[in-house]
Protein backbone atom coordinates (compact mmCIF):
# COMPACT_ATOMS: atom_id res chain seq x y z
CA MET A 1 100.44 60.77 86.38
CA SER A 2 103.61 61.80 88.16
CA GLU A 3 103.65 65.09 89.92
CA ASN A 4 105.55 67.96 88.27
CA LYS A 5 108.52 69.24 90.25
CA ILE A 6 109.84 72.81 90.45
CA ASP A 7 113.52 73.66 89.84
CA PRO A 8 114.03 77.33 89.69
CA ASN A 9 117.92 76.89 88.84
CA LYS A 10 116.84 75.77 85.48
CA TRP A 11 114.22 78.39 84.67
CA VAL A 12 116.25 80.92 82.80
CA ASP A 13 117.86 78.16 80.62
CA LYS A 14 114.72 76.21 79.94
CA TYR A 15 111.89 78.79 79.83
CA SER A 16 113.49 82.39 79.09
CA ASP A 17 113.24 82.02 75.30
CA TYR A 18 109.65 80.70 75.33
CA LEU A 19 108.49 83.40 77.85
CA PHE A 20 110.18 86.04 75.76
CA ASN A 21 108.45 84.92 72.65
CA PHE A 22 105.06 84.81 74.50
CA THR A 23 105.58 88.38 75.98
CA ILE A 24 107.11 90.21 73.05
CA VAL A 25 103.93 89.63 70.88
CA ARG A 26 101.80 91.00 73.61
CA VAL A 27 103.87 93.99 74.64
CA ASN A 28 105.88 94.81 71.44
CA ASP A 29 108.77 96.12 73.56
CA ARG A 30 111.92 94.13 74.18
CA GLU A 31 112.85 96.02 77.42
CA VAL A 32 109.33 95.62 78.85
CA ALA A 33 109.12 92.01 77.95
CA HIS A 34 112.63 91.36 79.75
CA ASP A 35 111.30 93.31 82.76
CA LEU A 36 108.10 91.25 82.75
CA ILE A 37 109.92 87.98 82.49
CA SER A 38 112.17 88.92 85.39
CA GLU A 39 109.26 89.88 87.46
CA THR A 40 107.71 86.59 86.60
CA PHE A 41 110.74 84.73 87.74
CA LEU A 42 110.90 86.46 90.88
CA ALA A 43 107.14 86.13 91.59
CA GLY A 44 107.65 82.45 90.94
CA LEU A 45 110.39 82.28 93.45
CA LYS A 46 108.15 83.99 96.11
CA SER A 47 105.32 81.74 95.37
CA MET A 48 107.13 78.35 95.07
CA LYS A 49 105.28 76.92 98.00
CA ASN A 50 101.96 77.60 96.18
CA PHE A 51 103.02 75.25 93.26
CA LYS A 52 100.92 72.20 93.47
CA GLY A 53 102.51 70.25 90.65
CA GLU A 54 99.14 69.71 88.76
CA ALA A 55 100.60 71.61 85.73
CA THR A 56 104.00 71.77 84.28
CA GLU A 57 106.44 74.37 85.57
CA ARG A 58 106.19 76.29 82.21
CA THR A 59 102.35 76.44 82.42
CA TRP A 60 102.67 77.64 85.93
CA LEU A 61 105.17 80.30 84.97
CA ILE A 62 102.96 81.22 81.87
CA SER A 63 100.01 81.86 84.17
CA ILE A 64 102.08 84.21 86.33
CA LEU A 65 103.42 85.94 83.40
CA LYS A 66 99.72 86.57 81.91
CA ARG A 67 98.96 88.25 85.11
CA LYS A 68 102.22 90.33 84.94
CA ILE A 69 101.33 91.46 81.49
CA ILE A 70 97.75 92.38 82.57
CA ASP A 71 99.19 94.31 85.61
CA HIS A 72 101.68 96.07 83.01
CA TYR A 73 98.59 97.28 80.85
CA ARG A 74 96.61 98.36 83.95
CA LYS A 75 99.53 100.35 85.24
CA ASN A 76 100.14 102.16 81.82
CA ASN A 77 96.33 102.75 81.25
CA SER A 78 95.72 104.19 84.69
CA LYS A 79 98.65 106.54 84.20
CA LYS A 80 96.76 107.81 80.93
CA GLY A 81 93.58 108.22 82.93
CA LYS A 82 91.91 105.27 81.01
CA ALA A 83 89.84 102.50 82.72
CA GLU A 84 90.33 100.00 80.09
CA ILE A 85 92.86 97.37 79.53
CA LYS A 86 93.40 96.46 75.75
CA ILE A 87 95.29 93.40 75.01
CA GLN A 88 95.88 92.14 71.39
CA TYR A 89 95.04 88.24 71.26
CA ASN A 90 95.34 85.67 68.58
CA ASP A 91 94.13 82.24 69.30
CA ASP A 92 93.01 79.36 67.05
CA SER A 93 89.69 80.84 65.99
CA ASN A 94 89.91 84.39 66.84
CA GLU A 95 92.19 87.44 66.42
CA GLY A 96 91.56 90.90 67.69
CA ASP A 97 91.56 93.37 70.73
CA TRP A 98 90.16 92.54 74.20
CA LEU A 99 88.92 95.46 76.17
CA GLU A 100 88.45 94.79 79.98
CA GLU A 101 85.74 97.29 80.04
CA ASN A 102 83.77 95.10 77.67
CA ALA A 103 84.11 92.15 79.86
CA PRO A 104 81.17 91.42 81.98
CA ASP A 105 81.71 92.15 85.69
CA ARG A 106 81.61 88.51 87.27
CA PHE A 107 80.33 89.99 90.55
CA ASP A 108 77.44 91.69 88.82
CA LYS A 109 75.08 88.76 88.59
CA THR A 110 71.37 88.86 88.54
CA ALA A 111 69.18 86.15 89.85
CA GLU A 112 68.46 85.27 86.15
CA ASP A 113 72.16 85.13 85.31
CA LEU A 114 72.79 82.67 88.17
CA ILE A 115 69.82 80.49 87.33
CA GLU A 116 70.92 80.46 83.54
CA ASN A 117 74.53 79.61 84.58
CA GLU A 118 73.22 76.69 86.65
CA GLU A 119 71.00 75.35 83.87
CA LEU A 120 73.84 75.62 81.43
CA GLY A 121 76.29 73.84 83.75
CA THR A 122 73.59 71.06 84.14
CA ALA A 123 73.22 70.90 80.45
CA ILE A 124 76.87 70.65 79.69
CA LEU A 125 77.16 67.77 82.11
CA GLU A 126 74.31 65.94 80.55
CA CYS A 127 75.92 66.46 77.30
CA MET A 128 79.33 65.25 78.36
CA GLU A 129 77.70 61.94 79.08
CA GLN A 130 77.37 61.60 75.10
CA LEU A 131 81.12 61.71 74.90
CA THR A 132 83.40 58.62 75.11
CA GLU A 133 85.13 58.22 78.37
CA LYS A 134 88.52 59.14 76.77
CA GLN A 135 87.03 62.01 75.12
CA ALA A 136 85.33 63.35 78.39
CA LYS A 137 88.59 62.96 80.36
CA ILE A 138 90.81 64.70 77.93
CA PHE A 139 88.11 67.57 77.20
CA LYS A 140 87.89 68.02 80.97
CA MET A 141 91.67 68.01 81.62
CA LYS A 142 92.47 70.45 78.71
CA THR A 143 89.48 72.95 78.61
CA ILE A 144 88.30 72.82 82.26
CA ASP A 145 91.42 71.86 84.29
CA GLY A 146 93.86 73.76 82.06
CA PHE A 147 96.33 70.82 81.83
CA ASP A 148 99.39 71.19 79.47
CA THR A 149 99.11 69.45 76.19
CA GLU A 150 102.37 67.46 76.84
CA ALA A 151 100.97 66.17 80.10
CA ILE A 152 97.76 65.04 78.67
CA CYS A 153 99.64 63.41 75.65
CA ASN A 154 101.93 61.52 78.08
CA GLU A 155 99.12 60.34 80.25
CA PHE A 156 96.97 58.99 77.43
CA ASN A 157 99.83 58.01 75.14
CA ILE A 158 98.69 60.10 72.31
CA THR A 159 100.29 62.74 70.04
CA PRO A 160 99.32 66.45 70.02
CA SER A 161 97.63 66.23 67.00
CA ASN A 162 95.56 63.35 68.15
CA LEU A 163 94.72 65.33 71.16
CA TRP A 164 93.38 68.26 69.19
CA VAL A 165 91.29 65.97 67.11
CA ILE A 166 89.83 64.46 70.21
CA ILE A 167 89.13 67.90 71.64
CA HIS A 168 87.57 69.13 68.23
CA ARG A 169 85.26 66.15 68.15
CA ALA A 170 84.11 66.65 71.90
CA ARG A 171 83.46 70.22 71.10
CA THR A 172 81.44 69.51 68.05
CA THR A 173 79.46 66.68 70.04
CA LEU A 174 78.89 69.00 73.02
CA ALA A 175 77.88 71.99 70.70
CA GLN A 176 75.40 69.95 68.66
CA CYS A 177 74.04 68.62 72.00
CA LEU A 178 73.65 71.96 73.54
CA GLU A 179 72.18 73.33 70.38
CA LYS A 180 69.47 70.64 70.46
CA ASN A 181 68.82 70.48 74.12
CA TRP A 182 69.65 73.96 75.73
CA PHE A 183 68.99 76.59 73.26
């Protein structure tokens, strides 16, 4: 797999429309969306040395933008005296609101939680052995390592539709295995 390169001189032309569409549905304010995108580009310039090339430039910028959006809501909500962050989301299987206050505190773990997480991790690894080698690699790259769809498709010479079929089949196999062996 070739290493992705970063070229900030092309960011506005290549990514501004995509980033705007990504942002506007989350903040519903054109001016705020433009500000967040500008902040994203600035943060990208400042942290270029941290770009490892493991993901595409666009994926890297989106990850910066997501943090900027969360920071925007934190700032607005703290001004209102609220301790929660509310973000509307819409993914393939769910739609609704996410409240940060309802999310578990990842630092508030009991010994039981740690043992359960370790057992689940072991069960997942054992269940991944039931996947074909290709399914396991693709599933890991997409869902665990967060690789961009395009990068995975290029590496395995598959279409995006084929990628999602492989991911779906891997998830189904893992779910059945976990249901049988872990629950």
